[in-house]
Protein backbone atom coordinates (compact mmCIF):
# COMPACT_ATOMS: atom_id res chain seq x y z
CA MET A 1 -20.39 5.04 52.07
CA ALA A 2 -19.42 2.00 50.01
CA ALA A 3 -15.90 1.72 48.77
CA LYS A 4 -15.26 2.51 45.18
CA ASN A 5 -14.73 -0.46 42.92
CA THR A 6 -12.10 0.20 40.23
CA ALA A 7 -14.25 -1.88 37.77
CA TRP A 8 -16.89 0.87 37.94
CA ALA A 9 -15.87 3.77 35.75
CA ALA A 10 -16.71 7.13 37.33
CA PHE A 11 -19.41 9.36 36.04
CA PRO A 12 -17.42 11.61 33.62
CA HIS A 13 -19.25 14.87 34.25
CA PRO A 14 -19.58 17.40 37.15
CA SER A 15 -22.18 15.95 39.61
CA LYS A 16 -22.80 18.86 41.99
CA THR A 17 -25.71 19.90 39.86
CA PHE A 18 -27.25 16.49 40.44
CA ASP A 19 -26.80 16.39 44.21
CA TYR A 20 -30.11 16.12 46.17
CA PRO A 21 -29.26 16.29 49.86
CA GLY A 22 -31.90 16.22 52.56
CA ASP A 23 -35.37 17.37 51.53
CA LYS A 24 -34.20 18.27 48.11
CA LEU A 25 -34.61 14.69 47.01
CA LYS A 26 -38.30 14.63 47.89
CA SER A 27 -38.88 18.05 46.32
CA ALA A 28 -37.28 16.90 43.01
CA TRP A 29 -38.68 13.38 43.10
CA ALA A 30 -41.57 13.97 40.68
CA ALA A 31 -39.23 15.34 38.07
CA LEU A 32 -36.55 12.74 38.74
CA HIS A 33 -39.00 9.84 38.44
CA ALA A 34 -41.45 11.08 35.92
CA GLY A 35 -40.19 8.27 33.63
CA ASP A 36 -40.32 5.25 35.86
CA CYS A 37 -43.05 6.16 38.38
CA GLU A 38 -40.88 4.96 41.25
CA PRO A 39 -42.74 5.82 44.52
CA TYR A 40 -40.86 8.10 46.92
CA PRO A 41 -39.18 5.85 49.54
CA ASP A 42 -40.49 7.53 52.72
CA ALA A 43 -41.19 5.56 55.93
CA LYS A 44 -44.79 4.73 54.85
CA ARG A 45 -43.58 3.35 51.48
CA ALA A 46 -40.85 1.44 53.32
CA ALA A 47 -43.34 -0.13 55.68
CA ALA A 48 -45.56 -1.24 52.82
CA LEU A 49 -42.55 -2.93 51.07
CA LEU A 50 -41.62 -4.70 54.29
CA LYS A 51 -45.24 -5.89 54.77
CA ALA A 52 -45.38 -7.19 51.20
CA LEU A 53 -42.38 -9.47 51.72
CA THR A 54 -43.11 -13.00 52.91
CA LYS A 55 -39.84 -13.01 54.73
CA PRO A 56 -38.70 -9.47 55.56
CA PRO A 57 -35.07 -9.14 56.50
CA LYS A 58 -34.14 -8.98 60.16
CA GLY A 59 -32.55 -5.95 61.71
CA ILE A 60 -34.18 -3.34 59.49
CA ASP A 61 -37.32 -1.28 60.20
CA ALA A 62 -39.25 1.09 57.97
CA ALA A 63 -37.24 4.16 59.11
CA LYS A 64 -33.93 2.53 58.38
CA LEU A 65 -35.06 1.07 55.03
CA ALA A 66 -36.36 4.48 53.97
CA GLU A 67 -33.07 6.19 54.94
CA THR A 68 -31.07 3.62 53.02
CA LEU A 69 -33.22 3.77 49.88
CA GLN A 70 -33.12 7.49 49.85
CA GLU A 71 -29.31 7.48 50.10
CA ALA A 72 -29.11 4.89 47.31
CA TRP A 73 -31.27 7.03 45.02
CA ARG A 74 -29.25 10.14 45.89
CA ALA A 75 -26.16 8.23 44.84
CA PHE A 76 -27.78 7.17 41.58
CA HIS A 77 -29.00 10.61 40.65
CA ARG A 78 -25.58 12.23 41.19
CA GLY A 79 -23.84 9.54 39.16
CA ASP A 80 -22.30 7.48 42.01
CA PHE A 81 -23.61 4.32 40.33
CA HIS A 82 -21.49 1.83 42.30
CA ASP A 83 -22.60 3.30 45.62
CA ALA A 84 -26.20 3.18 44.44
CA PHE A 85 -25.89 -0.42 43.38
CA THR A 86 -24.11 -1.51 46.54
CA LEU A 87 -26.64 0.16 48.89
CA GLY A 88 -29.57 -1.22 46.93
CA ASP A 89 -28.21 -4.70 46.48
CA ALA A 90 -27.52 -5.11 50.15
CA LEU A 91 -31.30 -4.78 50.74
CA GLY A 92 -32.17 -7.67 48.50
CA PRO A 93 -35.51 -7.33 46.64
CA LEU A 94 -36.27 -4.20 48.68
CA GLY A 95 -33.49 -2.39 46.95
CA THR A 96 -33.56 -4.07 43.51
CA SER A 97 -35.19 -1.18 41.73
CA VAL A 98 -32.35 1.26 42.50
CA ALA A 99 -29.63 -1.43 42.27
CA VAL A 100 -30.74 -2.65 38.83
CA LYS A 101 -31.27 0.83 37.48
CA ALA A 102 -27.71 1.81 38.66
CA LEU A 103 -26.26 -1.37 37.18
CA GLY A 104 -28.05 -1.07 33.93
CA ILE A 105 -27.41 2.65 33.21
CA HIS A 106 -23.80 2.28 34.17
CA ALA A 107 -23.38 -0.78 31.94
CA THR A 108 -25.16 1.02 29.05
CA TYR A 109 -22.89 4.07 29.00
CA LEU A 110 -19.83 3.48 31.09
CA VAL A 111 -18.75 -0.12 30.56
CA GLU A 112 -16.56 -0.44 27.43
CA ASP A 113 -15.86 -4.15 27.55
CA GLU A 114 -18.73 -5.84 25.61
CA ALA A 115 -18.53 -9.15 27.47
CA GLU A 116 -18.52 -7.38 30.83
CA ARG A 117 -21.46 -5.28 29.76
CA LEU A 118 -23.44 -8.42 28.81
CA ARG A 119 -22.60 -10.10 32.16
CA ARG A 120 -23.99 -7.05 33.95
CA PHE A 121 -27.10 -7.08 32.03
CA GLU A 122 -27.56 -10.77 32.79
CA LYS A 123 -26.95 -10.05 36.45
CA ALA A 124 -29.49 -7.19 36.39
CA ALA A 125 -32.14 -9.42 34.68
CA ASP A 126 -31.61 -12.22 37.31
CA MET A 127 -31.92 -9.69 40.14
CA ALA A 128 -35.15 -8.28 38.74
CA GLU A 129 -36.56 -11.77 38.24
CA LYS A 130 -35.99 -12.43 41.93
CA ALA A 131 -37.59 -9.15 42.75
CA ILE A 132 -40.68 -10.15 40.74
CA ALA A 133 -41.00 -13.27 42.83
CA ALA A 134 -40.55 -11.36 46.09
CA LEU A 135 -42.53 -8.23 45.23
CA PRO A 136 -44.96 -9.18 42.37
CA ASP A 137 -47.14 -6.04 42.77
CA GLU A 138 -44.20 -3.70 41.97
CA ALA A 139 -44.38 -2.42 38.36
CA ASN A 140 -40.70 -1.68 38.39
CA SER A 141 -39.78 -5.29 39.23
CA TYR A 142 -41.13 -6.15 35.77
CA TYR A 143 -39.77 -3.03 34.03
CA ARG A 144 -36.25 -3.43 35.32
CA ARG A 145 -36.22 -6.99 34.08
CA ALA A 146 -37.42 -6.01 30.67
CA PHE A 147 -34.84 -3.22 30.47
CA ALA A 148 -32.09 -5.63 31.35
CA LEU A 149 -33.13 -8.28 28.98
CA GLY A 150 -33.74 -5.72 26.27
CA ARG A 151 -30.18 -4.28 26.58
CA TYR A 152 -28.78 -7.81 26.72
CA SER A 153 -30.73 -8.64 23.55
CA GLN A 154 -29.30 -5.61 21.72
CA GLY A 155 -25.78 -6.64 22.71
CA ILE A 156 -26.02 -10.13 21.33
CA SER A 157 -27.97 -9.01 18.21
CA ILE A 158 -31.70 -8.99 17.91
CA GLY A 159 -31.71 -12.03 15.70
CA LYS A 160 -29.96 -14.18 18.24
CA ALA A 161 -32.16 -12.78 20.95
CA LEU A 162 -35.23 -13.83 18.96
CA THR A 163 -33.89 -17.38 18.56
CA MET A 164 -33.40 -17.51 22.38
CA GLY A 165 -36.99 -16.38 23.03
CA LEU A 166 -35.98 -13.27 24.78
CA ALA A 167 -38.43 -11.07 22.82
CA GLY A 168 -41.48 -12.73 24.42
CA LYS A 169 -40.01 -12.31 27.88
CA VAL A 170 -39.30 -8.68 27.26
CA LYS A 171 -42.75 -7.99 25.84
CA ALA A 172 -44.51 -9.84 28.66
CA ALA A 173 -42.71 -7.93 31.35
CA LEU A 174 -43.31 -4.57 29.72
CA ASP A 175 -47.02 -5.37 29.29
CA VAL A 176 -47.33 -6.11 32.99
CA ALA A 177 -45.41 -2.95 33.91
CA VAL A 178 -47.67 -0.72 31.76
CA ASP A 179 -50.80 -2.52 32.96
CA MET A 180 -49.76 -1.75 36.61
CA ALA A 181 -48.56 1.77 35.90
CA PRO A 182 -50.16 3.16 32.76
CA LYS A 183 -48.11 6.41 33.07
CA HIS A 184 -44.78 4.54 33.13
CA ALA A 185 -43.15 6.49 30.34
CA GLU A 186 -39.98 4.36 30.28
CA ALA A 187 -42.00 1.23 29.77
CA HIS A 188 -43.84 2.92 26.90
CA ILE A 189 -40.54 3.94 25.39
CA SER A 190 -39.26 0.31 25.64
CA LEU A 191 -42.36 -1.01 24.00
CA ALA A 192 -42.01 1.45 21.13
CA VAL A 193 -38.49 0.27 20.57
CA PHE A 194 -39.60 -3.36 20.94
CA HIS A 195 -42.12 -3.13 18.18
CA ALA A 196 -39.67 -1.18 15.93
CA GLU A 197 -36.82 -3.60 16.44
CA ILE A 198 -38.86 -6.65 15.67
CA ILE A 199 -40.24 -5.12 12.46
CA ASN A 200 -36.76 -3.96 11.46
CA LYS A 201 -35.37 -7.45 11.91
CA VAL A 202 -37.97 -9.75 10.57
CA GLY A 203 -40.34 -7.51 8.63
CA ALA A 204 -43.84 -6.19 9.33
CA MET A 205 -45.75 -9.29 8.29
CA LEU A 206 -43.74 -11.93 10.18
CA GLY A 207 -43.17 -9.56 13.08
CA GLY A 208 -46.91 -9.03 13.42
CA LEU A 209 -47.87 -12.71 13.07
CA THR A 210 -45.14 -14.03 15.35
CA TYR A 211 -44.53 -11.35 18.01
CA GLY A 212 -47.55 -8.96 17.60
CA ALA A 213 -45.21 -6.22 16.51
CA LYS A 214 -46.90 -3.29 14.81
CA ALA A 215 -45.58 0.07 13.56
CA SER A 216 -48.75 1.74 14.76
CA ALA A 217 -48.15 0.36 18.27
CA ALA A 218 -44.58 1.68 18.31
CA GLU A 219 -45.90 5.11 17.27
CA THR A 220 -48.64 5.02 19.93
CA HIS A 221 -46.26 4.11 22.69
CA ILE A 222 -43.66 6.75 21.85
CA LYS A 223 -46.34 9.38 21.50
CA THR A 224 -47.61 8.46 24.99
CA ALA A 225 -44.11 8.63 26.40
CA LEU A 226 -43.40 11.99 24.85
CA LYS A 227 -46.64 13.32 26.28
CA LEU A 228 -45.80 12.06 29.69
CA THR A 229 -42.16 13.20 29.70
CA PRO A 230 -41.60 15.81 27.05
CA ASN A 231 -38.42 17.02 28.82
CA SER A 232 -36.78 13.55 28.99
CA PRO A 233 -33.74 13.22 26.75
CA ILE A 234 -34.19 9.44 26.45
CA ALA A 235 -37.73 9.80 25.08
CA HIS A 236 -36.43 11.91 22.19
CA VAL A 237 -33.37 9.63 21.66
CA GLU A 238 -35.50 6.50 21.48
CA HIS A 239 -38.04 8.29 19.25
CA ALA A 240 -35.15 8.94 16.86
CA ASN A 241 -34.08 5.32 17.07
CA MET A 242 -37.54 4.11 16.47
CA LEU A 243 -37.87 6.27 13.37
CA LEU A 244 -34.60 4.87 11.97
CA LEU A 245 -35.56 1.34 12.69
CA LEU A 246 -38.97 1.65 11.00
CA HIS A 247 -38.11 3.98 8.11
CA GLY A 248 -34.25 4.02 7.64
CA ALA A 249 -32.92 6.76 5.53
CA LYS A 250 -36.35 8.23 4.79
CA LYS A 251 -36.58 9.53 8.42
CA GLU A 252 -32.94 10.50 8.93
CA ASP A 253 -33.79 14.24 9.14
CA ALA A 254 -36.71 13.63 11.52
CA ALA A 255 -34.46 11.48 13.72
CA ALA A 256 -31.76 14.10 13.70
CA THR A 257 -34.34 16.64 14.88
CA GLU A 258 -35.23 14.36 17.80
CA PHE A 259 -31.52 13.89 18.75
CA GLU A 260 -31.14 17.63 18.58
CA LYS A 261 -34.18 18.13 20.86
CA ALA A 262 -32.60 15.85 23.36
CA THR A 263 -29.31 17.87 23.40
CA LYS A 264 -31.15 21.13 24.23
CA LEU A 265 -33.03 19.83 27.37
CA LYS A 266 -31.80 20.42 30.86
CA PRO A 267 -30.88 17.10 32.45
CA VAL A 268 -32.10 16.52 36.02
CA ASP A 269 -29.71 13.83 37.02
CA ALA A 270 -26.60 11.83 35.86
CA MET A 271 -28.64 9.37 33.81
CA GLU A 272 -30.26 12.17 31.77
CA LYS A 273 -26.88 13.70 31.32
CA LEU A 274 -25.54 10.40 29.85
CA ASP A 275 -28.66 10.14 27.66
CA GLN A 276 -28.08 13.65 26.42
CA GLU A 277 -24.39 13.06 25.67
CA PHE A 278 -25.37 9.98 23.63
CA ALA A 279 -27.73 12.13 21.65
CA LYS A 280 -24.92 14.69 20.96
CA ALA A 281 -22.68 11.88 19.71
CA GLN A 282 -25.32 10.80 17.13
CA LEU A 283 -25.15 14.33 15.58
CA GLU A 284 -21.37 14.40 15.21
């Protein structure tokens, strides 16, 4: 097990509920990954990943890769984000999906220093970009990059992000992810928020002409995500955020209802617990 890094704040909730030892991980996989459509990393999947790489790493076979990826995902789901990141990062592009998700979720909720949070999102985006080059047929290579760039954009302000041209990069990556994986609920959520944030910042007319942003598209994407993952706290959280971005005070009650829905769901892992706690904080 990787040594703990003091720069990585611990998951602040009991994690035993989110422990998936042995075959429990595979049994729970569909529920754990309903949002991101990540394939279960068994030996067959590991062999396919190794075959897809132009230069697969030496000293690791499909069985070992599968074992390591499973351990990394177990760590992620129980909230050991540093261990998940370390195990995934050591595998290079083969482990980028779990490494970037661990880095990104931890930075979103458990890194207090704003500058450090932005550095981590930058690192996550760079890792995902390299994964796209190495494994271009993986939907999550694109989605992880969009997630990292999106969070970075929110941290520096949407206006500055637009000036830097990040909006186009986020949208392009999300479009590829959804094209590859039409049931990728988290990508649909991100697209809903993308359209809403653009319209909120520059208005419907300019947003539509310049970035292709449409309120109707935001509503369609969030509706799709909620249909795919009705029990996902983040789907309801981002639905609330989308309503506030598009309608402001007019939809405060509807947004509050969505936040409340998120608080009443049963989280399946540490990420969903953090999403839920965020929703609770919005109602205080």
